[in-house]
């Protein structure tokens, strides 16, 4: 891994205490970036930051943030700037899921998922872009990276609201790319399939609870066998390379794109 690929990049990551967010934070830091880890779980985010600082390449801070609150998004951006002098990249990774069959969806399920997965992404994008615009133009573009899902291309009957929220993420990526181009801000994203993280581990249990699967682990097995060309589910280490590419100068001429990292699920 090139320890200088992201040198000089100051990056805010939401949902950074565990899973893909933590993996990206550590990967980016190994490539020289400075990281602000935003999460509701400040203690766990601080543990990730401590590992990064102990490794001695990039630097890291942790902030407690509720991504659904505008003031917390603004505060996380401000903390990044206070710690590192500016913000170059925003990675909007925070998300959740709670499966329901279509006719079992209620307002609480809808509001919870749409607020965390879609509204929060919009708030983060807007507050980060506001700071980037205030900083003025750079020789290379500022970058916004949205974490999407194959659920924006696959109708999944057990997670209709999640699918809807991720269609929203795709729309925010497209619309943001157009709206922010004049400010030299690119907006791209990546769309995983099944990634073994705490979110998916809980989802695996929830699918058994609603009767969609019979036993723990069956969702992983069924998807790998029936849906994926690469016959295994993924792990955060399978994702970090694409995320690093989007944060690096290698993707400077890209905007409005959602890259699928899904083991071939979406070519079915």
Protein backbone atom coordinates (compact mmCIF):
# COMPACT_ATOMS: atom_id res chain seq x y z
CA UNK A 1 0.00 0.00 0.00
CA UNK A 2 1.40 3.41 -1.01
CA UNK A 3 1.90 5.33 2.27
CA UNK A 4 1.69 8.63 0.38
CA UNK A 5 -1.28 8.02 -1.93
CA UNK A 6 -3.64 10.09 0.24
CA UNK A 7 -1.04 12.29 1.93
CA UNK A 8 -2.43 15.72 2.63
CA UNK A 9 -6.07 14.57 2.45
CA UNK A 10 -8.23 15.49 5.43
CA UNK A 11 -11.20 13.15 5.48
CA UNK A 12 -14.44 12.98 7.46
CA UNK A 13 -16.06 9.52 7.68
CA UNK A 14 -19.48 8.96 9.22
CA UNK A 15 -20.40 5.67 10.86
CA UNK A 16 -16.69 5.17 11.41
CA UNK A 17 -16.64 3.23 14.68
CA UNK A 18 -16.87 -0.23 13.10
CA UNK A 19 -17.45 -2.15 9.88
CA UNK A 20 -16.66 -0.51 6.58
CA UNK A 21 -16.29 2.93 8.15
CA UNK A 22 -13.54 1.80 10.51
CA UNK A 23 -11.83 -0.24 7.78
CA UNK A 24 -11.79 2.77 5.46
CA UNK A 25 -10.48 5.02 8.22
CA UNK A 26 -7.53 2.73 8.90
CA UNK A 27 -6.85 2.14 5.21
CA UNK A 28 -6.94 5.85 4.37
CA UNK A 29 -4.64 6.64 7.29
CA UNK A 30 -2.15 3.98 6.15
CA UNK A 31 -2.00 5.96 2.90
CA UNK A 32 -1.20 9.22 4.70
CA UNK A 33 -4.63 10.78 5.22
CA UNK A 34 -5.85 12.51 8.36
CA UNK A 35 -9.22 11.19 9.53
CA UNK A 36 -12.11 12.53 11.57
CA UNK A 37 -14.17 9.52 12.68
CA UNK A 38 -17.79 10.46 13.34
CA UNK A 39 -20.12 8.07 15.16
CA UNK A 40 -22.74 7.88 17.89
CA UNK A 41 -20.45 5.41 19.67
CA UNK A 42 -17.66 7.78 20.63
CA UNK A 43 -15.78 5.22 22.72
CA UNK A 44 -15.44 2.76 19.84
CA UNK A 45 -14.62 5.53 17.36
CA UNK A 46 -11.89 6.72 19.73
CA UNK A 47 -10.44 3.19 19.87
CA UNK A 48 -10.15 3.22 16.06
CA UNK A 49 -8.56 6.68 16.21
CA UNK A 50 -6.09 5.46 18.83
CA UNK A 51 -5.03 2.58 16.59
CA UNK A 52 -4.49 4.97 13.71
CA UNK A 53 -2.43 7.39 15.81
CA UNK A 54 -0.36 4.56 17.25
CA UNK A 55 0.46 3.32 13.75
CA UNK A 56 2.10 6.67 13.08
CA UNK A 57 1.18 7.48 9.48
CA UNK A 58 -2.00 9.54 9.18
CA UNK A 59 -3.56 11.23 12.20
CA UNK A 60 -7.07 10.74 13.57
CA UNK A 61 -9.63 12.28 15.88
CA UNK A 62 -13.02 10.94 16.96
CA UNK A 63 -16.22 12.96 17.41
CA UNK A 64 -19.62 11.92 18.66
CA UNK A 65 -22.24 12.72 16.05
CA UNK A 66 -25.85 11.93 15.36
CA UNK A 67 -25.82 11.96 11.58
CA UNK A 68 -29.55 12.77 11.47
CA UNK A 69 -28.93 16.20 13.06
CA UNK A 70 -27.68 19.10 10.96
CA UNK A 71 -25.84 20.64 13.91
CA UNK A 72 -23.86 17.43 14.46
CA UNK A 73 -22.88 17.26 10.80
CA UNK A 74 -21.74 20.88 10.91
CA UNK A 75 -19.83 20.23 14.14
CA UNK A 76 -18.04 17.20 12.67
CA UNK A 77 -16.96 19.25 9.65
CA UNK A 78 -15.77 22.02 11.95
CA UNK A 79 -13.84 19.52 14.09
CA UNK A 80 -12.10 18.20 10.99
CA UNK A 81 -11.06 21.69 9.96
CA UNK A 82 -9.97 22.63 13.48
CA UNK A 83 -7.81 19.50 13.77
CA UNK A 84 -6.30 19.39 10.30
CA UNK A 85 -6.78 22.83 8.73
CA UNK A 86 -9.29 21.92 6.03
CA UNK A 87 -11.53 19.18 4.69
CA UNK A 88 -10.86 17.56 1.32
CA UNK A 89 -13.04 14.45 1.35
CA UNK A 90 -16.34 13.51 2.97
CA UNK A 91 -17.32 9.83 3.15
CA UNK A 92 -20.98 9.29 4.09
CA UNK A 93 -21.04 5.73 5.31
CA UNK A 94 -23.49 5.71 8.24
CA UNK A 95 -26.51 3.48 7.67
CA UNK A 96 -28.84 0.90 9.12
CA UNK A 97 -31.43 -1.66 8.09
CA UNK A 98 -34.38 -3.39 9.72
CA UNK A 99 -36.15 -5.87 7.45
CA UNK A 100 -39.90 -5.95 7.01
CA UNK A 101 -42.03 -7.57 4.36
CA UNK A 102 -43.83 -4.97 2.23
CA UNK A 103 -47.21 -5.22 3.97
CA UNK A 104 -45.58 -5.15 7.42
CA UNK A 105 -43.80 -1.80 6.97
CA UNK A 106 -45.00 0.84 9.41
CA UNK A 107 -44.21 4.53 9.81
CA UNK A 108 -41.56 3.94 12.47
CA UNK A 109 -39.65 1.51 10.26
CA UNK A 110 -39.92 3.85 7.27
CA UNK A 111 -38.87 6.97 9.17
CA UNK A 112 -35.94 5.34 10.96
CA UNK A 113 -34.32 3.91 7.82
CA UNK A 114 -35.01 6.84 5.52
CA UNK A 115 -33.76 9.34 8.09
CA UNK A 116 -30.46 7.59 8.80
CA UNK A 117 -29.69 6.34 5.29
CA UNK A 118 -30.92 9.21 3.12
CA UNK A 119 -31.68 12.38 5.06
CA UNK A 120 -28.42 12.09 6.99
CA UNK A 121 -26.44 11.66 3.77
CA UNK A 122 -28.01 14.81 2.35
CA UNK A 123 -27.19 16.76 5.53
CA UNK A 124 -23.59 15.53 5.52
CA UNK A 125 -23.10 16.31 1.86
CA UNK A 126 -24.53 19.78 2.25
CA UNK A 127 -22.53 20.76 5.33
CA UNK A 128 -19.30 19.34 3.90
CA UNK A 129 -19.82 21.08 0.56
CA UNK A 130 -20.55 24.34 2.35
CA UNK A 131 -17.11 24.19 3.98
CA UNK A 132 -15.37 23.11 0.77
CA UNK A 133 -16.91 26.04 -1.09
CA UNK A 134 -15.81 28.43 1.67
CA UNK A 135 -12.25 27.10 1.45
CA UNK A 136 -12.08 28.11 -2.19
CA UNK A 137 -10.79 26.27 -5.27
CA UNK A 138 -7.90 23.83 -5.22
CA UNK A 139 -5.81 22.48 -8.09
CA UNK A 140 -7.58 19.12 -7.68
CA UNK A 141 -11.22 18.51 -6.84
CA UNK A 142 -12.77 18.14 -3.44
CA UNK A 143 -14.52 14.80 -3.09
CA UNK A 144 -17.76 13.51 -1.67
CA UNK A 145 -18.11 9.73 -1.47
CA UNK A 146 -21.49 8.15 -0.73
CA UNK A 147 -21.91 4.57 0.40
CA UNK A 148 -24.75 3.04 -1.58
CA UNK A 149 -25.87 -0.55 -2.02
CA UNK A 150 -26.88 -3.11 -4.60
CA UNK A 151 -30.34 -2.45 -3.10
CA UNK A 152 -30.61 0.56 -5.44
CA UNK A 153 -30.61 -1.88 -8.37
CA UNK A 154 -32.23 -5.00 -6.94
CA UNK A 155 -35.82 -5.09 -5.63
CA UNK A 156 -35.52 -7.04 -2.37
CA UNK A 157 -38.92 -7.83 -0.90
CA UNK A 158 -37.69 -8.24 2.66
CA UNK A 159 -36.02 -4.80 2.81
CA UNK A 160 -38.22 -2.51 0.73
CA UNK A 161 -37.52 0.58 2.84
CA UNK A 162 -33.78 -0.04 2.70
CA UNK A 163 -34.01 -0.34 -1.08
CA UNK A 164 -35.93 2.95 -1.20
CA UNK A 165 -33.34 4.66 0.96
CA UNK A 166 -30.51 3.47 -1.25
CA UNK A 167 -32.31 4.62 -4.40
CA UNK A 168 -32.26 7.97 -2.58
CA UNK A 169 -28.50 7.68 -2.06
CA UNK A 170 -28.06 7.08 -5.77
CA UNK A 171 -30.18 10.12 -6.59
CA UNK A 172 -28.20 12.27 -4.15
CA UNK A 173 -24.99 11.13 -5.84
CA UNK A 174 -26.27 12.01 -9.30
CA UNK A 175 -27.89 15.31 -8.31
CA UNK A 176 -25.00 16.33 -6.08
CA UNK A 177 -22.53 15.71 -8.90
CA UNK A 178 -24.44 18.12 -11.13
CA UNK A 179 -25.10 20.72 -8.44
CA UNK A 180 -21.55 20.86 -7.07
CA UNK A 181 -19.50 20.57 -10.26
CA UNK A 182 -19.16 24.35 -10.56
CA UNK A 183 -17.39 24.35 -7.18
CA UNK A 184 -14.85 21.68 -8.24
CA UNK A 185 -16.48 19.07 -6.01
CA UNK A 186 -16.94 15.58 -7.39
CA UNK A 187 -19.60 13.24 -6.02
CA UNK A 188 -19.24 9.49 -6.45
CA UNK A 189 -20.06 6.39 -4.47
CA UNK A 190 -19.67 2.67 -4.13
CA UNK A 191 -22.34 0.03 -3.73
CA UNK A 192 -21.48 -3.14 -1.82
CA UNK A 193 -23.53 -6.31 -1.72
CA UNK A 194 -23.19 -8.50 1.38
CA UNK A 195 -20.33 -7.32 3.61
CA UNK A 196 -19.70 -9.16 6.87
CA UNK A 197 -20.03 -6.28 9.34
CA UNK A 198 -22.04 -5.72 12.53
CA UNK A 199 -24.88 -4.34 10.38
CA UNK A 200 -25.11 -7.54 8.33
CA UNK A 201 -24.65 -9.76 11.37
CA UNK A 202 -27.74 -8.13 12.91
CA UNK A 203 -29.60 -8.32 9.62
CA UNK A 204 -28.86 -12.05 9.43
CA UNK A 205 -30.59 -12.48 12.81
CA UNK A 206 -33.49 -10.23 11.81
CA UNK A 207 -34.17 -12.25 8.66
CA UNK A 208 -34.62 -15.35 10.80
CA UNK A 209 -36.88 -13.42 13.17
CA UNK A 210 -39.29 -12.34 10.41
CA UNK A 211 -39.32 -15.85 8.92
CA UNK A 212 -37.47 -15.05 5.69
CA UNK A 213 -34.63 -17.45 6.60
CA UNK A 214 -34.71 -20.56 8.75
CA UNK A 215 -31.35 -20.31 10.53
CA UNK A 216 -28.48 -17.95 11.26
CA UNK A 217 -26.00 -17.76 8.41
CA UNK A 218 -28.47 -18.96 5.80
CA UNK A 219 -28.71 -15.53 4.17
CA UNK A 220 -24.95 -15.52 3.57
CA UNK A 221 -25.03 -19.06 2.18
CA UNK A 222 -28.03 -18.54 -0.09
CA UNK A 223 -26.79 -15.29 -1.58
CA UNK A 224 -23.26 -16.61 -2.19
CA UNK A 225 -24.61 -19.75 -3.88
CA UNK A 226 -27.48 -18.27 -5.89
CA UNK A 227 -26.62 -14.64 -6.60
CA UNK A 228 -22.88 -14.07 -6.66
CA UNK A 229 -20.48 -14.85 -9.48
CA UNK A 230 -17.66 -14.76 -6.93
CA UNK A 231 -19.03 -17.48 -4.68
CA UNK A 232 -18.44 -15.84 -1.31
CA UNK A 233 -19.70 -12.85 0.59
CA UNK A 234 -17.35 -9.93 1.11
CA UNK A 235 -15.47 -8.38 4.01
CA UNK A 236 -14.46 -4.76 4.64
CA UNK A 237 -10.99 -5.47 3.22
CA UNK A 238 -12.69 -6.21 -0.13
CA UNK A 239 -14.12 -2.69 -0.15
CA UNK A 240 -11.28 -0.43 0.96
CA UNK A 241 -9.43 -0.46 -2.37
CA UNK A 242 -12.34 1.05 -4.25
CA UNK A 243 -12.96 3.58 -1.49
CA UNK A 244 -9.28 4.58 -1.61
CA UNK A 245 -9.47 4.99 -5.38
CA UNK A 246 -12.43 7.35 -5.03
CA UNK A 247 -10.60 9.39 -2.38
CA UNK A 248 -7.39 9.59 -4.41
CA UNK A 249 -6.33 11.69 -7.42
CA UNK A 250 -6.82 8.59 -9.60
CA UNK A 251 -10.57 9.35 -9.72
CA UNK A 252 -10.32 13.10 -10.36
CA UNK A 253 -12.11 12.88 -13.73
CA UNK A 254 -15.05 10.91 -12.35
CA UNK A 255 -18.28 12.31 -10.99
CA UNK A 256 -21.83 11.06 -10.60
CA UNK A 257 -20.77 7.39 -10.58
CA UNK A 258 -21.79 4.54 -8.29
CA UNK A 259 -19.29 1.66 -8.47
CA UNK A 260 -20.65 -1.77 -7.58
CA UNK A 261 -18.47 -4.01 -5.42
CA UNK A 262 -20.90 -6.90 -5.19
CA UNK A 263 -19.27 -10.12 -6.34
CA UNK A 264 -21.26 -9.98 -9.57
CA UNK A 265 -24.71 -9.83 -7.98
CA UNK A 266 -26.02 -7.06 -10.20
CA UNK A 267 -25.22 -8.77 -13.49
CA UNK A 268 -27.88 -11.40 -12.75
